[in-house]
N, C-alpha and C. Protein backbone atom coordinates (compact mmCIF):
# COMPACT_ATOMS: atom_id res chain seq x y z
N MET A 1 49.38 7.11 1.80
CA MET A 1 49.50 5.68 2.04
C MET A 1 50.27 5.49 3.34
N SER A 2 49.76 4.71 4.21
CA SER A 2 50.47 4.42 5.45
C SER A 2 51.02 3.01 5.38
N LEU A 3 52.19 2.87 5.92
CA LEU A 3 52.81 1.56 5.99
C LEU A 3 52.60 1.00 7.38
N ARG A 4 52.17 -0.22 7.45
CA ARG A 4 51.94 -0.87 8.73
C ARG A 4 53.11 -1.81 9.00
N PHE A 5 53.97 -1.42 9.91
CA PHE A 5 55.12 -2.25 10.23
C PHE A 5 54.80 -3.11 11.44
N LYS A 6 55.21 -4.32 11.38
CA LYS A 6 55.03 -5.23 12.50
C LYS A 6 56.33 -6.00 12.69
N LYS A 7 56.46 -6.63 13.80
CA LYS A 7 57.66 -7.41 14.05
C LYS A 7 57.60 -8.67 13.19
N SER A 8 58.35 -8.66 12.13
CA SER A 8 58.43 -9.81 11.24
C SER A 8 59.68 -9.63 10.40
N ASP A 9 59.91 -10.58 9.54
CA ASP A 9 61.12 -10.46 8.73
C ASP A 9 60.90 -9.43 7.61
N PRO A 10 61.99 -8.91 7.04
CA PRO A 10 61.88 -7.87 6.01
C PRO A 10 61.06 -8.28 4.79
N VAL A 11 61.02 -9.55 4.46
CA VAL A 11 60.25 -10.01 3.30
C VAL A 11 58.76 -9.76 3.53
N ASP A 12 58.27 -10.07 4.75
CA ASP A 12 56.86 -9.82 5.06
C ASP A 12 56.52 -8.34 4.96
N ILE A 13 57.40 -7.50 5.46
CA ILE A 13 57.17 -6.05 5.40
C ILE A 13 57.14 -5.59 3.96
N GLU A 14 58.06 -6.08 3.14
CA GLU A 14 58.10 -5.68 1.74
C GLU A 14 56.86 -6.13 0.99
N LEU A 15 56.40 -7.35 1.23
CA LEU A 15 55.20 -7.84 0.57
C LEU A 15 53.98 -7.01 0.98
N GLU A 16 53.89 -6.66 2.24
CA GLU A 16 52.77 -5.84 2.71
C GLU A 16 52.81 -4.47 2.02
N TRP A 17 53.99 -3.90 1.89
CA TRP A 17 54.15 -2.61 1.22
C TRP A 17 53.71 -2.71 -0.24
N VAL A 18 54.10 -3.77 -0.93
CA VAL A 18 53.71 -3.95 -2.32
C VAL A 18 52.19 -4.06 -2.44
N HIS A 19 51.55 -4.78 -1.54
CA HIS A 19 50.08 -4.88 -1.59
C HIS A 19 49.42 -3.53 -1.32
N ASP A 20 50.03 -2.71 -0.43
CA ASP A 20 49.51 -1.35 -0.22
C ASP A 20 49.63 -0.55 -1.51
N VAL A 21 50.75 -0.67 -2.20
CA VAL A 21 50.95 0.03 -3.47
C VAL A 21 49.90 -0.42 -4.48
N GLU A 22 49.67 -1.72 -4.55
CA GLU A 22 48.66 -2.24 -5.49
C GLU A 22 47.28 -1.68 -5.18
N ARG A 23 46.93 -1.61 -3.90
CA ARG A 23 45.61 -1.08 -3.53
C ARG A 23 45.49 0.40 -3.88
N VAL A 24 46.50 1.18 -3.58
CA VAL A 24 46.47 2.61 -3.89
C VAL A 24 46.38 2.83 -5.39
N ALA A 25 47.23 2.16 -6.14
CA ALA A 25 47.24 2.33 -7.60
C ALA A 25 45.92 1.88 -8.21
N TYR A 26 45.38 0.76 -7.75
CA TYR A 26 44.11 0.26 -8.28
C TYR A 26 42.98 1.25 -8.01
N THR A 27 42.94 1.81 -6.82
CA THR A 27 41.90 2.77 -6.47
C THR A 27 41.99 4.00 -7.37
N LEU A 28 43.19 4.52 -7.58
CA LEU A 28 43.37 5.68 -8.45
C LEU A 28 42.98 5.38 -9.89
N LEU A 29 43.39 4.23 -10.38
CA LEU A 29 43.06 3.85 -11.77
C LEU A 29 41.56 3.66 -11.95
N GLU A 30 40.90 3.05 -10.97
CA GLU A 30 39.45 2.87 -11.06
C GLU A 30 38.73 4.21 -11.01
N SER A 31 39.21 5.12 -10.19
CA SER A 31 38.60 6.44 -10.12
C SER A 31 38.71 7.15 -11.47
N ALA A 32 39.88 7.09 -12.08
CA ALA A 32 40.07 7.70 -13.41
C ALA A 32 39.20 7.01 -14.45
N ARG A 33 39.08 5.69 -14.35
CA ARG A 33 38.26 4.94 -15.31
C ARG A 33 36.78 5.32 -15.18
N ILE A 34 36.31 5.47 -13.94
CA ILE A 34 34.92 5.88 -13.71
C ILE A 34 34.67 7.26 -14.33
N ARG A 35 35.59 8.19 -14.12
CA ARG A 35 35.45 9.53 -14.71
C ARG A 35 35.42 9.44 -16.24
N CYS A 36 36.22 8.55 -16.79
CA CYS A 36 36.25 8.36 -18.24
C CYS A 36 34.89 7.86 -18.72
N GLU A 37 34.27 6.98 -17.96
CA GLU A 37 32.92 6.50 -18.30
C GLU A 37 31.94 7.66 -18.31
N TRP A 38 32.05 8.56 -17.34
CA TRP A 38 31.16 9.72 -17.29
C TRP A 38 31.31 10.54 -18.57
N LEU A 39 32.57 10.80 -18.95
CA LEU A 39 32.80 11.60 -20.15
C LEU A 39 32.27 10.92 -21.40
N SER A 40 32.41 9.62 -21.46
CA SER A 40 31.99 8.89 -22.67
C SER A 40 30.46 8.85 -22.80
N ARG A 41 29.74 9.13 -21.72
CA ARG A 41 28.28 9.20 -21.79
C ARG A 41 27.81 10.55 -22.30
N GLY A 42 28.73 11.51 -22.38
CA GLY A 42 28.37 12.86 -22.81
C GLY A 42 28.20 12.96 -24.31
N PRO A 43 28.08 14.20 -24.79
CA PRO A 43 27.81 14.42 -26.21
C PRO A 43 28.98 14.02 -27.13
N VAL A 44 30.18 14.01 -26.60
CA VAL A 44 31.34 13.68 -27.43
C VAL A 44 31.85 12.29 -27.05
N ARG A 45 31.59 11.34 -27.91
CA ARG A 45 32.11 9.97 -27.71
C ARG A 45 33.20 9.78 -28.73
N SER A 46 34.38 9.51 -28.25
CA SER A 46 35.48 9.40 -29.18
C SER A 46 36.23 8.08 -29.00
N SER A 47 36.91 7.68 -30.06
CA SER A 47 37.73 6.49 -29.96
C SER A 47 38.89 6.74 -28.99
N GLU A 48 39.29 8.02 -28.85
CA GLU A 48 40.37 8.34 -27.91
C GLU A 48 39.93 8.05 -26.48
N LEU A 49 38.69 8.44 -26.13
CA LEU A 49 38.19 8.13 -24.79
C LEU A 49 38.07 6.63 -24.59
N GLN A 50 37.66 5.92 -25.61
CA GLN A 50 37.56 4.46 -25.51
C GLN A 50 38.94 3.85 -25.25
N GLN A 51 39.97 4.38 -25.91
CA GLN A 51 41.32 3.86 -25.71
C GLN A 51 41.83 4.20 -24.32
N ILE A 52 41.55 5.41 -23.84
CA ILE A 52 41.95 5.79 -22.48
C ILE A 52 41.26 4.87 -21.47
N HIS A 53 39.96 4.66 -21.67
CA HIS A 53 39.19 3.78 -20.78
C HIS A 53 39.79 2.37 -20.78
N SER A 54 40.14 1.89 -21.95
CA SER A 54 40.73 0.56 -22.08
C SER A 54 42.08 0.49 -21.35
N ASP A 55 42.93 1.49 -21.57
CA ASP A 55 44.24 1.48 -20.90
C ASP A 55 44.10 1.57 -19.38
N LEU A 56 43.18 2.41 -18.91
CA LEU A 56 42.96 2.49 -17.46
C LEU A 56 42.45 1.17 -16.92
N GLY A 57 41.51 0.54 -17.63
CA GLY A 57 40.96 -0.73 -17.19
C GLY A 57 42.01 -1.84 -17.18
N LEU A 58 42.83 -1.89 -18.23
CA LEU A 58 43.88 -2.92 -18.28
C LEU A 58 44.93 -2.69 -17.21
N ALA A 59 45.28 -1.43 -16.97
CA ALA A 59 46.24 -1.12 -15.90
C ALA A 59 45.67 -1.57 -14.56
N GLY A 60 44.41 -1.27 -14.32
CA GLY A 60 43.77 -1.68 -13.08
C GLY A 60 43.69 -3.19 -12.94
N PHE A 61 43.37 -3.86 -14.04
CA PHE A 61 43.31 -5.32 -14.04
C PHE A 61 44.66 -5.92 -13.64
N HIS A 62 45.72 -5.43 -14.25
CA HIS A 62 47.04 -6.01 -13.98
C HIS A 62 47.56 -5.63 -12.59
N VAL A 63 47.33 -4.38 -12.17
CA VAL A 63 47.85 -3.97 -10.86
C VAL A 63 47.12 -4.69 -9.72
N SER A 64 45.88 -5.10 -9.97
CA SER A 64 45.11 -5.77 -8.91
C SER A 64 45.23 -7.29 -8.99
N ASN A 65 46.11 -7.77 -9.83
CA ASN A 65 46.29 -9.20 -10.06
C ASN A 65 46.47 -10.00 -8.78
N GLU A 66 47.19 -9.46 -7.83
CA GLU A 66 47.50 -10.19 -6.60
C GLU A 66 46.56 -9.84 -5.45
N LEU A 67 45.60 -8.95 -5.68
CA LEU A 67 44.68 -8.56 -4.62
C LEU A 67 43.53 -9.55 -4.52
N SER A 68 43.03 -9.71 -3.32
CA SER A 68 41.86 -10.58 -3.12
C SER A 68 40.63 -9.90 -3.70
N ALA A 69 39.59 -10.67 -3.92
CA ALA A 69 38.33 -10.10 -4.43
C ALA A 69 37.79 -9.07 -3.45
N ASP A 70 37.92 -9.33 -2.15
CA ASP A 70 37.45 -8.37 -1.15
C ASP A 70 38.24 -7.06 -1.22
N ALA A 71 39.55 -7.16 -1.37
CA ALA A 71 40.37 -5.95 -1.46
C ALA A 71 40.02 -5.15 -2.71
N ARG A 72 39.81 -5.83 -3.84
CA ARG A 72 39.41 -5.13 -5.07
C ARG A 72 38.06 -4.44 -4.88
N ALA A 73 37.12 -5.12 -4.25
CA ALA A 73 35.80 -4.53 -4.02
C ALA A 73 35.89 -3.30 -3.11
N GLN A 74 36.73 -3.36 -2.09
CA GLN A 74 36.91 -2.22 -1.19
C GLN A 74 37.52 -1.04 -1.94
N CYS A 75 38.51 -1.31 -2.77
CA CYS A 75 39.15 -0.25 -3.56
C CYS A 75 38.15 0.38 -4.52
N LEU A 76 37.35 -0.43 -5.17
CA LEU A 76 36.36 0.07 -6.11
C LEU A 76 35.33 0.94 -5.40
N LYS A 77 34.93 0.54 -4.20
CA LYS A 77 33.99 1.35 -3.42
C LYS A 77 34.60 2.70 -3.08
N VAL A 78 35.85 2.71 -2.65
CA VAL A 78 36.53 3.97 -2.34
C VAL A 78 36.59 4.85 -3.59
N ALA A 79 36.92 4.27 -4.74
CA ALA A 79 37.00 5.03 -5.99
C ALA A 79 35.64 5.62 -6.34
N ARG A 80 34.59 4.82 -6.24
CA ARG A 80 33.24 5.32 -6.55
C ARG A 80 32.83 6.43 -5.59
N ASP A 81 33.10 6.23 -4.30
CA ASP A 81 32.75 7.25 -3.31
C ASP A 81 33.51 8.55 -3.59
N GLU A 82 34.77 8.44 -3.94
CA GLU A 82 35.59 9.63 -4.25
C GLU A 82 35.02 10.36 -5.46
N CYS A 83 34.66 9.62 -6.48
CA CYS A 83 34.11 10.24 -7.69
C CYS A 83 32.78 10.92 -7.40
N GLU A 84 31.95 10.30 -6.61
CA GLU A 84 30.64 10.87 -6.29
C GLU A 84 30.76 12.09 -5.39
N SER A 85 31.78 12.12 -4.53
CA SER A 85 31.92 13.23 -3.58
C SER A 85 32.49 14.49 -4.23
N ARG A 86 33.14 14.34 -5.36
CA ARG A 86 33.72 15.49 -6.05
C ARG A 86 32.87 15.81 -7.27
N SER A 87 32.59 17.07 -7.44
CA SER A 87 31.77 17.51 -8.56
C SER A 87 32.43 17.09 -9.87
N ARG A 88 31.60 16.72 -10.81
CA ARG A 88 32.13 16.31 -12.11
C ARG A 88 32.77 17.48 -12.84
N GLY A 89 32.18 18.64 -12.73
CA GLY A 89 32.77 19.82 -13.36
C GLY A 89 32.79 19.73 -14.87
N SER A 90 33.60 20.56 -15.46
CA SER A 90 33.71 20.63 -16.92
C SER A 90 34.46 19.42 -17.46
N ARG A 91 34.36 19.25 -18.76
CA ARG A 91 35.09 18.17 -19.43
C ARG A 91 36.59 18.32 -19.20
N THR A 92 37.11 19.54 -19.31
CA THR A 92 38.54 19.77 -19.14
C THR A 92 38.97 19.47 -17.71
N LEU A 93 38.17 19.88 -16.73
CA LEU A 93 38.49 19.60 -15.34
C LEU A 93 38.48 18.10 -15.07
N THR A 94 37.52 17.40 -15.65
CA THR A 94 37.45 15.94 -15.48
C THR A 94 38.67 15.27 -16.11
N LEU A 95 39.06 15.72 -17.30
CA LEU A 95 40.27 15.18 -17.94
C LEU A 95 41.51 15.44 -17.07
N ALA A 96 41.59 16.63 -16.51
CA ALA A 96 42.74 16.98 -15.66
C ALA A 96 42.78 16.10 -14.41
N THR A 97 41.62 15.85 -13.82
CA THR A 97 41.55 14.97 -12.64
C THR A 97 41.96 13.55 -13.02
N MET A 98 41.46 13.08 -14.16
CA MET A 98 41.84 11.74 -14.63
C MET A 98 43.34 11.65 -14.84
N PHE A 99 43.92 12.70 -15.45
CA PHE A 99 45.36 12.72 -15.70
C PHE A 99 46.12 12.64 -14.38
N GLU A 100 45.70 13.44 -13.41
CA GLU A 100 46.37 13.45 -12.10
C GLU A 100 46.29 12.07 -11.44
N GLU A 101 45.13 11.44 -11.49
CA GLU A 101 44.97 10.12 -10.89
C GLU A 101 45.81 9.08 -11.62
N ALA A 102 45.78 9.09 -12.94
CA ALA A 102 46.54 8.10 -13.72
C ALA A 102 48.05 8.30 -13.54
N LEU A 103 48.48 9.57 -13.50
CA LEU A 103 49.91 9.84 -13.32
C LEU A 103 50.38 9.42 -11.93
N THR A 104 49.58 9.70 -10.93
CA THR A 104 49.94 9.28 -9.57
C THR A 104 49.99 7.75 -9.49
N ALA A 105 49.04 7.08 -10.13
CA ALA A 105 49.06 5.61 -10.15
C ALA A 105 50.31 5.10 -10.86
N ALA A 106 50.64 5.69 -12.01
CA ALA A 106 51.84 5.26 -12.75
C ALA A 106 53.10 5.45 -11.92
N ASP A 107 53.20 6.59 -11.23
CA ASP A 107 54.36 6.83 -10.38
C ASP A 107 54.42 5.86 -9.20
N THR A 108 53.26 5.55 -8.63
CA THR A 108 53.19 4.61 -7.51
C THR A 108 53.62 3.22 -7.96
N ILE A 109 53.14 2.81 -9.12
CA ILE A 109 53.51 1.50 -9.66
C ILE A 109 55.01 1.46 -9.96
N ALA A 110 55.53 2.52 -10.55
CA ALA A 110 56.96 2.57 -10.89
C ALA A 110 57.84 2.41 -9.64
N ALA A 111 57.40 2.97 -8.53
CA ALA A 111 58.17 2.86 -7.30
C ALA A 111 58.22 1.41 -6.81
N ALA A 112 57.20 0.63 -7.13
CA ALA A 112 57.14 -0.76 -6.65
C ALA A 112 57.83 -1.75 -7.58
N LEU A 113 58.08 -1.35 -8.83
CA LEU A 113 58.60 -2.30 -9.82
C LEU A 113 59.84 -3.08 -9.36
N PRO A 114 60.82 -2.44 -8.71
CA PRO A 114 62.00 -3.23 -8.30
C PRO A 114 61.71 -4.28 -7.22
N HIS A 115 60.54 -4.19 -6.60
CA HIS A 115 60.22 -5.07 -5.47
C HIS A 115 59.22 -6.16 -5.83
N VAL A 116 58.85 -6.26 -7.09
CA VAL A 116 57.79 -7.17 -7.50
C VAL A 116 58.34 -8.28 -8.37
N ILE A 117 57.91 -9.50 -8.08
CA ILE A 117 58.26 -10.64 -8.92
C ILE A 117 57.10 -10.85 -9.89
N GLY A 118 57.41 -11.04 -11.14
CA GLY A 118 56.37 -11.19 -12.16
C GLY A 118 56.23 -9.91 -12.95
N ASP A 119 55.53 -10.00 -14.05
CA ASP A 119 55.46 -8.82 -14.92
C ASP A 119 54.12 -8.11 -14.88
N HIS A 120 53.22 -8.49 -13.96
CA HIS A 120 51.90 -7.85 -13.92
C HIS A 120 52.00 -6.36 -13.62
N MET A 121 52.94 -5.96 -12.76
CA MET A 121 53.07 -4.54 -12.43
C MET A 121 53.69 -3.77 -13.60
N GLN A 122 54.62 -4.38 -14.32
CA GLN A 122 55.20 -3.73 -15.48
C GLN A 122 54.12 -3.49 -16.54
N THR A 123 53.30 -4.47 -16.77
CA THR A 123 52.21 -4.34 -17.74
C THR A 123 51.23 -3.26 -17.28
N ALA A 124 50.91 -3.25 -15.99
CA ALA A 124 50.02 -2.21 -15.45
C ALA A 124 50.63 -0.83 -15.67
N HIS A 125 51.93 -0.71 -15.42
CA HIS A 125 52.62 0.57 -15.60
C HIS A 125 52.56 1.02 -17.06
N GLU A 126 52.78 0.11 -17.97
CA GLU A 126 52.74 0.46 -19.40
C GLU A 126 51.37 1.01 -19.80
N HIS A 127 50.30 0.38 -19.33
CA HIS A 127 48.95 0.85 -19.65
C HIS A 127 48.63 2.18 -18.96
N ALA A 128 49.09 2.34 -17.72
CA ALA A 128 48.87 3.61 -17.02
C ALA A 128 49.59 4.75 -17.73
N VAL A 129 50.81 4.50 -18.18
CA VAL A 129 51.57 5.53 -18.91
C VAL A 129 50.88 5.85 -20.24
N ALA A 130 50.39 4.83 -20.94
CA ALA A 130 49.68 5.06 -22.20
C ALA A 130 48.44 5.93 -21.97
N ALA A 131 47.71 5.67 -20.89
CA ALA A 131 46.55 6.51 -20.56
C ALA A 131 46.98 7.94 -20.28
N CYS A 132 48.09 8.10 -19.55
CA CYS A 132 48.61 9.44 -19.24
C CYS A 132 48.97 10.19 -20.51
N GLU A 133 49.63 9.50 -21.43
CA GLU A 133 50.02 10.16 -22.69
C GLU A 133 48.80 10.61 -23.48
N SER A 134 47.78 9.77 -23.55
CA SER A 134 46.55 10.14 -24.27
C SER A 134 45.84 11.29 -23.57
N LEU A 135 45.78 11.23 -22.25
CA LEU A 135 45.13 12.31 -21.50
C LEU A 135 45.90 13.62 -21.66
N ASP A 136 47.21 13.54 -21.67
CA ASP A 136 48.03 14.73 -21.88
C ASP A 136 47.73 15.37 -23.23
N GLU A 137 47.57 14.55 -24.25
CA GLU A 137 47.21 15.07 -25.58
C GLU A 137 45.84 15.73 -25.56
N ARG A 138 44.87 15.11 -24.89
CA ARG A 138 43.52 15.68 -24.81
C ARG A 138 43.56 17.02 -24.09
N LEU A 139 44.35 17.11 -23.03
CA LEU A 139 44.46 18.37 -22.28
C LEU A 139 45.16 19.44 -23.12
N ALA A 140 46.17 19.04 -23.87
CA ALA A 140 46.84 20.00 -24.75
C ALA A 140 45.87 20.52 -25.80
N ASP A 141 45.04 19.62 -26.35
CA ASP A 141 44.01 20.04 -27.32
C ASP A 141 43.05 21.03 -26.70
N ALA A 142 42.81 20.92 -25.38
CA ALA A 142 41.90 21.82 -24.68
C ALA A 142 42.60 23.10 -24.23
N GLY A 143 43.90 23.20 -24.52
CA GLY A 143 44.64 24.40 -24.17
C GLY A 143 45.18 24.41 -22.76
N VAL A 144 45.23 23.26 -22.10
CA VAL A 144 45.74 23.19 -20.74
C VAL A 144 47.22 22.86 -20.81
N GLU A 145 48.02 23.71 -20.19
CA GLU A 145 49.47 23.50 -20.14
C GLU A 145 49.84 22.69 -18.90
N PRO A 146 50.81 21.79 -19.04
CA PRO A 146 51.24 21.02 -17.85
C PRO A 146 51.87 21.96 -16.83
N THR A 147 51.73 21.57 -15.55
CA THR A 147 52.31 22.39 -14.49
C THR A 147 53.55 21.76 -13.95
């Protein structure tokens, strides 16, 4: 993520930084959500995947609350392009990628929480963390140890 600084007051710089955080987090969450959709189309459809998909979607919804429709569309395009450019691989590899994306989004959102007015980012963080916890359980079931 690059920060674009311009000659303005600190409030403008902080708001621009928060919007950058929202865009990065939304893109990561959408990418993880798209991968979850891929998995749910496979032979194993589980309520756990549905819950992960729901948490990722709700986190994305809340984190993008302040973004314009154009910014959301751009982020979604980047997420789709990223997903298409990387091989889907095995179920375990896809879960691991989803976990990495969701965890990075949760950490990114957490860094912005002290700078945000309103509770949309807190709600987004809660859903991102819930998705991470569920993904961690799925990876543990697959025998993948955290690094």
